[in-house]
Amino acid sequence: MMLSVSEDVAALAGVLVSLLALGIAVLTGDPLYDALGSIGVGLVLMATALFSMREIKSLLVGEAAHRHIREEMHAWLEARPEVRRIVSLIALKWSDDLVIAIQAELEPQRSASELVRTIDRLENDLKQRFPAARWIFFEPELREHGREPL
């Protein structure tokens, strides 16, 4: 949406620069203004291309989610009784979706299947709380392997 609007604005700006330069050239009889108008249109096109490249790159490669979203996710995870400590939280915006990677120390579980159910519950609840979360990668951290060993 943003790209199509910027392209339309650039097209209008190019037409206005061209009309202005051509009008001045006709009024003064000096073709230099026509040439300057062509350069102006070229500058408008180059600026539009640079803006479009930046926007398209963020759509293809992704960029960090907004700080307030990351902070809200962090607070939401910390409030969960299953989570002892968040080691890392990475949230990337990829088009309109979020890709989330979480590494956290969880409360002790009775079995591996209970651990899987806990992680599934956390992921599902996170998707409900943050509907843009499309992909969630959750890695449980064992304290003895982390930065703060037992």
N, C-alpha and C. Protein backbone atom coordinates (compact mmCIF):
# COMPACT_ATOMS: atom_id res chain seq x y z
N MET A 1 0.83 -1.19 0.00
CA MET A 1 0.00 0.00 0.00
C MET A 1 0.87 1.25 0.00
N MET A 2 1.86 1.27 0.89
CA MET A 2 2.72 2.45 1.00
C MET A 2 3.51 2.67 -0.28
N LEU A 3 3.95 1.58 -0.92
CA LEU A 3 4.72 1.72 -2.15
C LEU A 3 3.88 2.31 -3.27
N SER A 4 2.65 1.86 -3.41
CA SER A 4 1.82 2.37 -4.50
C SER A 4 1.48 3.85 -4.28
N VAL A 5 1.29 4.25 -3.04
CA VAL A 5 1.02 5.67 -2.76
C VAL A 5 2.24 6.50 -3.09
N SER A 6 3.42 6.03 -2.68
CA SER A 6 4.65 6.80 -2.95
C SER A 6 4.92 6.87 -4.45
N GLU A 7 4.60 5.82 -5.18
CA GLU A 7 4.79 5.85 -6.63
C GLU A 7 3.84 6.84 -7.28
N ASP A 8 2.61 6.92 -6.79
CA ASP A 8 1.64 7.89 -7.32
C ASP A 8 2.08 9.32 -7.01
N VAL A 9 2.55 9.54 -5.80
CA VAL A 9 3.04 10.87 -5.42
C VAL A 9 4.24 11.25 -6.28
N ALA A 10 5.14 10.30 -6.52
CA ALA A 10 6.32 10.57 -7.35
C ALA A 10 5.90 10.90 -8.79
N ALA A 11 4.90 10.19 -9.30
CA ALA A 11 4.43 10.46 -10.66
C ALA A 11 3.85 11.87 -10.75
N LEU A 12 3.05 12.25 -9.77
CA LEU A 12 2.48 13.60 -9.76
C LEU A 12 3.57 14.66 -9.62
N ALA A 13 4.54 14.40 -8.74
CA ALA A 13 5.65 15.35 -8.57
C ALA A 13 6.44 15.49 -9.86
N GLY A 14 6.67 14.39 -10.55
CA GLY A 14 7.39 14.44 -11.83
C GLY A 14 6.64 15.25 -12.87
N VAL A 15 5.32 15.06 -12.93
CA VAL A 15 4.50 15.82 -13.88
C VAL A 15 4.53 17.30 -13.54
N LEU A 16 4.43 17.63 -12.26
CA LEU A 16 4.46 19.04 -11.85
C LEU A 16 5.80 19.70 -12.15
N VAL A 17 6.89 19.00 -11.86
CA VAL A 17 8.23 19.53 -12.17
C VAL A 17 8.36 19.75 -13.67
N SER A 18 7.91 18.78 -14.44
CA SER A 18 7.99 18.88 -15.89
C SER A 18 7.16 20.04 -16.42
N LEU A 19 5.92 20.15 -15.94
CA LEU A 19 5.05 21.25 -16.39
C LEU A 19 5.61 22.61 -16.00
N LEU A 20 6.12 22.73 -14.80
CA LEU A 20 6.69 23.99 -14.34
C LEU A 20 7.91 24.37 -15.18
N ALA A 21 8.79 23.42 -15.38
CA ALA A 21 10.00 23.70 -16.16
C ALA A 21 9.65 24.04 -17.61
N LEU A 22 8.71 23.30 -18.19
CA LEU A 22 8.31 23.57 -19.57
C LEU A 22 7.62 24.92 -19.68
N GLY A 23 6.78 25.27 -18.70
CA GLY A 23 6.12 26.57 -18.70
C GLY A 23 7.11 27.72 -18.63
N ILE A 24 8.10 27.58 -17.75
CA ILE A 24 9.13 28.63 -17.64
C ILE A 24 9.94 28.72 -18.92
N ALA A 25 10.24 27.57 -19.54
CA ALA A 25 11.00 27.57 -20.80
C ALA A 25 10.21 28.27 -21.90
N VAL A 26 8.90 28.04 -21.96
CA VAL A 26 8.07 28.68 -22.99
C VAL A 26 7.97 30.18 -22.72
N LEU A 27 7.78 30.56 -21.46
CA LEU A 27 7.64 31.99 -21.12
C LEU A 27 8.93 32.77 -21.36
N THR A 28 10.05 32.18 -21.03
CA THR A 28 11.33 32.89 -21.17
C THR A 28 11.98 32.66 -22.52
N GLY A 29 11.59 31.60 -23.21
CA GLY A 29 12.24 31.25 -24.48
C GLY A 29 13.61 30.61 -24.28
N ASP A 30 13.94 30.27 -23.04
CA ASP A 30 15.25 29.67 -22.73
C ASP A 30 15.09 28.17 -22.53
N PRO A 31 15.67 27.34 -23.41
CA PRO A 31 15.52 25.89 -23.29
C PRO A 31 16.27 25.30 -22.09
N LEU A 32 17.08 26.11 -21.41
CA LEU A 32 17.81 25.63 -20.24
C LEU A 32 16.83 25.13 -19.17
N TYR A 33 15.68 25.81 -19.02
CA TYR A 33 14.70 25.42 -18.01
C TYR A 33 14.07 24.06 -18.33
N ASP A 34 13.93 23.77 -19.61
CA ASP A 34 13.43 22.46 -20.00
C ASP A 34 14.43 21.37 -19.59
N ALA A 35 15.71 21.64 -19.82
CA ALA A 35 16.75 20.68 -19.43
C ALA A 35 16.80 20.51 -17.91
N LEU A 36 16.68 21.64 -17.18
CA LEU A 36 16.67 21.55 -15.71
C LEU A 36 15.45 20.78 -15.21
N GLY A 37 14.33 20.93 -15.90
CA GLY A 37 13.13 20.18 -15.55
C GLY A 37 13.34 18.68 -15.72
N SER A 38 14.04 18.30 -16.80
CA SER A 38 14.34 16.89 -17.02
C SER A 38 15.24 16.34 -15.91
N ILE A 39 16.19 17.14 -15.49
CA ILE A 39 17.06 16.73 -14.37
C ILE A 39 16.23 16.60 -13.09
N GLY A 40 15.32 17.54 -12.88
CA GLY A 40 14.44 17.48 -11.70
C GLY A 40 13.59 16.23 -11.69
N VAL A 41 13.03 15.86 -12.85
CA VAL A 41 12.24 14.62 -12.93
C VAL A 41 13.12 13.42 -12.63
N GLY A 42 14.34 13.42 -13.12
CA GLY A 42 15.27 12.33 -12.83
C GLY A 42 15.56 12.21 -11.34
N LEU A 43 15.71 13.36 -10.67
CA LEU A 43 15.96 13.35 -9.22
C LEU A 43 14.74 12.80 -8.46
N VAL A 44 13.55 13.17 -8.90
CA VAL A 44 12.33 12.63 -8.28
C VAL A 44 12.29 11.12 -8.45
N LEU A 45 12.61 10.63 -9.64
CA LEU A 45 12.60 9.19 -9.89
C LEU A 45 13.65 8.46 -9.06
N MET A 46 14.84 9.07 -8.93
CA MET A 46 15.89 8.43 -8.12
C MET A 46 15.49 8.37 -6.65
N ALA A 47 14.89 9.44 -6.14
CA ALA A 47 14.45 9.44 -4.75
C ALA A 47 13.37 8.38 -4.53
N THR A 48 12.47 8.24 -5.48
CA THR A 48 11.42 7.21 -5.37
C THR A 48 12.02 5.81 -5.39
N ALA A 49 13.01 5.61 -6.25
CA ALA A 49 13.65 4.30 -6.33
C ALA A 49 14.36 3.95 -5.01
N LEU A 50 15.03 4.92 -4.42
CA LEU A 50 15.71 4.66 -3.14
C LEU A 50 14.71 4.34 -2.04
N PHE A 51 13.61 5.09 -1.99
CA PHE A 51 12.58 4.82 -0.99
C PHE A 51 11.98 3.42 -1.20
N SER A 52 11.70 3.10 -2.46
CA SER A 52 11.11 1.79 -2.77
C SER A 52 12.06 0.65 -2.41
N MET A 53 13.35 0.84 -2.69
CA MET A 53 14.33 -0.20 -2.36
C MET A 53 14.35 -0.45 -0.86
N ARG A 54 14.30 0.61 -0.06
CA ARG A 54 14.33 0.45 1.39
C ARG A 54 13.09 -0.29 1.88
N GLU A 55 11.94 0.06 1.34
CA GLU A 55 10.69 -0.59 1.75
C GLU A 55 10.65 -2.06 1.31
N ILE A 56 11.06 -2.32 0.09
CA ILE A 56 11.04 -3.69 -0.42
C ILE A 56 12.03 -4.56 0.34
N LYS A 57 13.19 -4.00 0.67
CA LYS A 57 14.19 -4.77 1.44
C LYS A 57 13.60 -5.20 2.78
N SER A 58 12.91 -4.29 3.47
CA SER A 58 12.33 -4.66 4.76
C SER A 58 11.24 -5.71 4.60
N LEU A 59 10.54 -5.71 3.47
CA LEU A 59 9.51 -6.73 3.24
C LEU A 59 10.14 -8.09 2.95
N LEU A 60 11.26 -8.09 2.24
CA LEU A 60 11.90 -9.35 1.86
C LEU A 60 12.76 -9.93 2.99
N VAL A 61 13.56 -9.09 3.60
CA VAL A 61 14.53 -9.56 4.59
C VAL A 61 13.94 -9.53 5.99
N GLY A 62 13.09 -8.59 6.25
CA GLY A 62 12.53 -8.42 7.58
C GLY A 62 13.27 -7.35 8.35
N GLU A 63 12.64 -6.87 9.39
CA GLU A 63 13.24 -5.88 10.27
C GLU A 63 12.72 -6.14 11.66
N ALA A 64 13.39 -5.57 12.64
CA ALA A 64 12.96 -5.78 14.03
C ALA A 64 11.55 -5.24 14.22
N ALA A 65 10.77 -5.96 15.00
CA ALA A 65 9.44 -5.48 15.34
C ALA A 65 9.60 -4.21 16.18
N HIS A 66 8.56 -3.41 16.22
CA HIS A 66 8.61 -2.17 16.99
C HIS A 66 8.94 -2.47 18.45
N ARG A 67 9.65 -1.55 19.06
CA ARG A 67 10.10 -1.74 20.43
C ARG A 67 8.94 -2.01 21.38
N HIS A 68 7.84 -1.28 21.22
CA HIS A 68 6.72 -1.47 22.15
C HIS A 68 6.12 -2.87 22.02
N ILE A 69 6.16 -3.46 20.83
CA ILE A 69 5.67 -4.84 20.66
C ILE A 69 6.61 -5.82 21.36
N ARG A 70 7.91 -5.63 21.18
CA ARG A 70 8.88 -6.51 21.84
C ARG A 70 8.77 -6.39 23.37
N GLU A 71 8.62 -5.17 23.86
CA GLU A 71 8.49 -4.98 25.30
C GLU A 71 7.20 -5.59 25.83
N GLU A 72 6.13 -5.46 25.07
CA GLU A 72 4.85 -6.04 25.48
C GLU A 72 4.93 -7.57 25.51
N MET A 73 5.60 -8.16 24.50
CA MET A 73 5.78 -9.62 24.48
C MET A 73 6.63 -10.06 25.66
N HIS A 74 7.69 -9.33 25.93
CA HIS A 74 8.58 -9.67 27.04
C HIS A 74 7.81 -9.64 28.36
N ALA A 75 7.04 -8.59 28.57
CA ALA A 75 6.25 -8.47 29.80
C ALA A 75 5.20 -9.59 29.89
N TRP A 76 4.58 -9.90 28.74
CA TRP A 76 3.58 -10.97 28.72
C TRP A 76 4.20 -12.31 29.11
N LEU A 77 5.38 -12.60 28.55
CA LEU A 77 6.07 -13.85 28.87
C LEU A 77 6.51 -13.90 30.33
N GLU A 78 7.03 -12.78 30.85
CA GLU A 78 7.48 -12.75 32.24
C GLU A 78 6.32 -12.98 33.21
N ALA A 79 5.12 -12.57 32.81
CA ALA A 79 3.96 -12.72 33.69
C ALA A 79 3.42 -14.15 33.70
N ARG A 80 3.86 -14.96 32.76
CA ARG A 80 3.38 -16.35 32.70
C ARG A 80 3.99 -17.18 33.82
N PRO A 81 3.18 -17.97 34.52
CA PRO A 81 3.73 -18.78 35.62
C PRO A 81 4.67 -19.89 35.14
N GLU A 82 4.55 -20.29 33.89
CA GLU A 82 5.41 -21.37 33.38
C GLU A 82 6.83 -20.90 33.12
N VAL A 83 7.04 -19.59 32.99
CA VAL A 83 8.33 -19.03 32.60
C VAL A 83 9.07 -18.52 33.83
N ARG A 84 10.26 -19.07 34.07
CA ARG A 84 11.10 -18.60 35.17
C ARG A 84 11.89 -17.37 34.75
N ARG A 85 12.51 -17.45 33.56
CA ARG A 85 13.41 -16.39 33.12
C ARG A 85 13.49 -16.40 31.60
N ILE A 86 13.46 -15.23 31.02
CA ILE A 86 13.61 -15.10 29.56
C ILE A 86 15.08 -14.86 29.28
N VAL A 87 15.68 -15.75 28.49
CA VAL A 87 17.08 -15.61 28.12
C VAL A 87 17.19 -14.66 26.93
N SER A 88 16.36 -14.87 25.92
CA SER A 88 16.37 -13.97 24.77
C SER A 88 15.00 -14.00 24.09
N LEU A 89 14.68 -12.87 23.49
CA LEU A 89 13.44 -12.72 22.74
C LEU A 89 13.78 -11.91 21.50
N ILE A 90 13.54 -12.51 20.35
CA ILE A 90 13.77 -11.83 19.07
C ILE A 90 12.44 -11.81 18.33
N ALA A 91 12.03 -10.63 17.92
CA ALA A 91 10.78 -10.49 17.17
C ALA A 91 11.08 -9.71 15.89
N LEU A 92 10.89 -10.37 14.76
CA LEU A 92 11.13 -9.74 13.46
C LEU A 92 9.81 -9.51 12.75
N LYS A 93 9.71 -8.36 12.11
CA LYS A 93 8.55 -8.06 11.29
C LYS A 93 8.89 -8.48 9.87
N TRP A 94 8.09 -9.36 9.33
CA TRP A 94 8.30 -9.85 7.98
C TRP A 94 6.99 -9.65 7.25
N SER A 95 6.94 -8.61 6.42
CA SER A 95 5.71 -8.15 5.79
C SER A 95 4.75 -7.76 6.91
N ASP A 96 3.56 -8.33 6.96
CA ASP A 96 2.61 -7.99 8.02
C ASP A 96 2.67 -8.99 9.17
N ASP A 97 3.54 -10.00 9.06
CA ASP A 97 3.63 -11.06 10.06
C ASP A 97 4.81 -10.83 10.99
N LEU A 98 4.79 -11.55 12.10
CA LEU A 98 5.91 -11.53 13.04
C LEU A 98 6.55 -12.91 13.10
N VAL A 99 7.86 -12.94 13.12
CA VAL A 99 8.64 -14.15 13.36
C VAL A 99 9.27 -13.97 14.73
N ILE A 100 8.98 -14.90 15.64
CA ILE A 100 9.41 -14.74 17.03
C ILE A 100 10.27 -15.92 17.45
N ALA A 101 11.41 -15.62 18.04
CA ALA A 101 12.29 -16.65 18.60
C ALA A 101 12.44 -16.36 20.09
N ILE A 102 12.11 -17.36 20.90
CA ILE A 102 12.15 -17.20 22.35
C ILE A 102 13.05 -18.28 22.93
N GLN A 103 13.93 -17.86 23.81
CA GLN A 103 14.73 -18.80 24.58
C GLN A 103 14.44 -18.47 26.04
N ALA A 104 13.90 -19.42 26.77
CA ALA A 104 13.50 -19.14 28.14
C ALA A 104 13.69 -20.36 29.02
N GLU A 105 13.96 -20.07 30.28
CA GLU A 105 14.03 -21.12 31.29
C GLU A 105 12.61 -21.30 31.82
N LEU A 106 12.11 -22.51 31.76
CA LEU A 106 10.75 -22.80 32.21
C LEU A 106 10.78 -23.44 33.59
N GLU A 107 9.63 -23.42 34.22
CA GLU A 107 9.49 -24.14 35.50
C GLU A 107 9.71 -25.63 35.22
N PRO A 108 10.22 -26.38 36.19
CA PRO A 108 10.47 -27.81 35.97
C PRO A 108 9.18 -28.55 35.56
N GLN A 109 9.34 -29.45 34.62
CA GLN A 109 8.22 -30.24 34.11
C GLN A 109 8.42 -31.69 34.54
N ARG A 110 7.31 -32.43 34.64
CA ARG A 110 7.39 -33.82 35.10
C ARG A 110 7.95 -34.74 34.03
N SER A 111 7.73 -34.39 32.75
CA SER A 111 8.18 -35.27 31.67
C SER A 111 8.42 -34.44 30.41
N ALA A 112 9.01 -35.10 29.42
CA ALA A 112 9.26 -34.43 28.15
C ALA A 112 7.95 -34.07 27.46
N SER A 113 6.95 -34.94 27.56
CA SER A 113 5.67 -34.65 26.92
C SER A 113 4.98 -33.46 27.60
N GLU A 114 5.15 -33.34 28.93
CA GLU A 114 4.59 -32.19 29.65
C GLU A 114 5.29 -30.90 29.21
N LEU A 115 6.60 -30.98 28.99
CA LEU A 115 7.36 -29.83 28.49
C LEU A 115 6.85 -29.41 27.12
N VAL A 116 6.61 -30.36 26.23
CA VAL A 116 6.10 -30.05 24.90
C VAL A 116 4.71 -29.41 24.99
N ARG A 117 3.86 -29.94 25.86
CA ARG A 117 2.52 -29.36 26.03
C ARG A 117 2.60 -27.93 26.58
N THR A 118 3.51 -27.70 27.48
CA THR A 118 3.69 -26.36 28.04
C THR A 118 4.12 -25.37 26.96
N ILE A 119 5.09 -25.80 26.14
CA ILE A 119 5.57 -24.93 25.07
C ILE A 119 4.46 -24.69 24.06
N ASP A 120 3.71 -25.72 23.70
CA ASP A 120 2.58 -25.55 22.77
C ASP A 120 1.55 -24.57 23.34
N ARG A 121 1.27 -24.68 24.62
CA ARG A 121 0.30 -23.78 25.25
C ARG A 121 0.81 -22.33 25.21
N LEU A 122 2.09 -22.16 25.51
CA LEU A 122 2.68 -20.82 25.46
C LEU A 122 2.61 -20.24 24.04
N GLU A 123 2.96 -21.05 23.05
CA GLU A 123 2.92 -20.59 21.66
C GLU A 123 1.50 -20.22 21.23
N ASN A 124 0.53 -21.08 21.56
CA ASN A 124 -0.87 -20.80 21.18
C ASN A 124 -1.40 -19.55 21.87
N ASP A 125 -1.10 -19.40 23.16
CA ASP A 125 -1.54 -18.21 23.88
C ASP A 125 -0.88 -16.95 23.33
N LEU A 126 0.39 -17.08 22.96
CA LEU A 126 1.10 -15.93 22.38
C LEU A 126 0.48 -15.53 21.04
N LYS A 127 0.10 -16.52 20.24
CA LYS A 127 -0.57 -16.22 18.96
C LYS A 127 -1.92 -15.56 19.18
N GLN A 128 -2.63 -15.96 20.23
CA GLN A 128 -3.91 -15.31 20.52
C GLN A 128 -3.70 -13.88 20.98
N ARG A 129 -2.68 -13.67 21.79
CA ARG A 129 -2.41 -12.32 22.32
C ARG A 129 -1.85 -11.40 21.25
N PHE A 130 -1.01 -11.95 20.35
CA PHE A 130 -0.39 -11.19 19.27
C PHE A 130 -0.76 -11.87 17.95
N PRO A 131 -1.88 -11.51 17.34
CA PRO A 131 -2.36 -12.19 16.13
C PRO A 131 -1.40 -12.13 14.95
N ALA A 132 -0.51 -11.16 14.93
CA ALA A 132 0.45 -11.07 13.82
C ALA A 132 1.56 -12.11 13.92
N ALA A 133 1.66 -12.79 15.07
CA ALA A 133 2.69 -13.80 15.27
C ALA A 133 2.38 -15.01 14.40
N ARG A 134 3.13 -15.15 13.34
CA ARG A 134 2.89 -16.25 12.40
C ARG A 134 3.78 -17.44 12.70
N TRP A 135 5.05 -17.18 12.97
CA TRP A 135 6.00 -18.26 13.27
C TRP A 135 6.61 -17.99 14.64
N ILE A 136 6.54 -19.00 15.51
CA ILE A 136 7.12 -18.88 16.84
C ILE A 136 8.06 -20.06 17.05
N PHE A 137 9.28 -19.74 17.41
CA PHE A 137 10.29 -20.76 17.70
C PHE A 137 10.65 -20.63 19.18
N PHE A 138 10.33 -21.65 19.95
CA PHE A 138 10.54 -21.61 21.40
C PHE A 138 11.59 -22.64 21.77
N GLU A 139 12.64 -22.16 22.42
CA GLU A 139 13.70 -23.06 22.87
C GLU A 139 13.78 -23.01 24.39
N PRO A 140 13.48 -24.13 25.05
CA PRO A 140 13.62 -24.14 26.51
C PRO A 140 15.10 -24.15 26.88
N GLU A 141 15.44 -23.39 27.89
CA GLU A 141 16.82 -23.27 28.34
C GLU A 141 16.98 -24.01 29.67
N LEU A 142 18.01 -24.82 29.75
CA LEU A 142 18.35 -25.45 31.02
C LEU A 142 19.32 -24.54 31.75
N ARG A 143 19.06 -24.30 32.99
CA ARG A 143 19.88 -23.34 33.74
C ARG A 143 21.35 -23.76 33.77
N GLU A 144 21.62 -25.05 33.88
CA GLU A 144 23.02 -25.49 33.96
C GLU A 144 23.78 -25.28 32.65
N HIS A 145 23.06 -25.02 31.55
CA HIS A 145 23.72 -24.77 30.26
C HIS A 145 23.72 -23.28 29.91
N GLY A 146 23.08 -22.47 30.67
CA GLY A 146 22.94 -21.07 30.36
C GLY A 146 24.08 -20.23 30.91
N ARG A 147 23.86 -18.94 30.97
CA ARG A 147 24.88 -18.01 31.44
C ARG A 147 25.00 -18.05 32.96
N GLU A 148 23.94 -18.48 33.63
CA GLU A 148 23.94 -18.53 35.09
C GLU A 148 23.82 -19.98 35.55
N PRO A 149 24.92 -20.75 35.49
CA PRO A 149 24.83 -22.17 35.85
C PRO A 149 24.47 -22.35 37.32
N LEU A 150 23.89 -23.51 37.60
CA LEU A 150 23.51 -23.83 38.99
C LEU A 150 24.73 -23.96 39.88
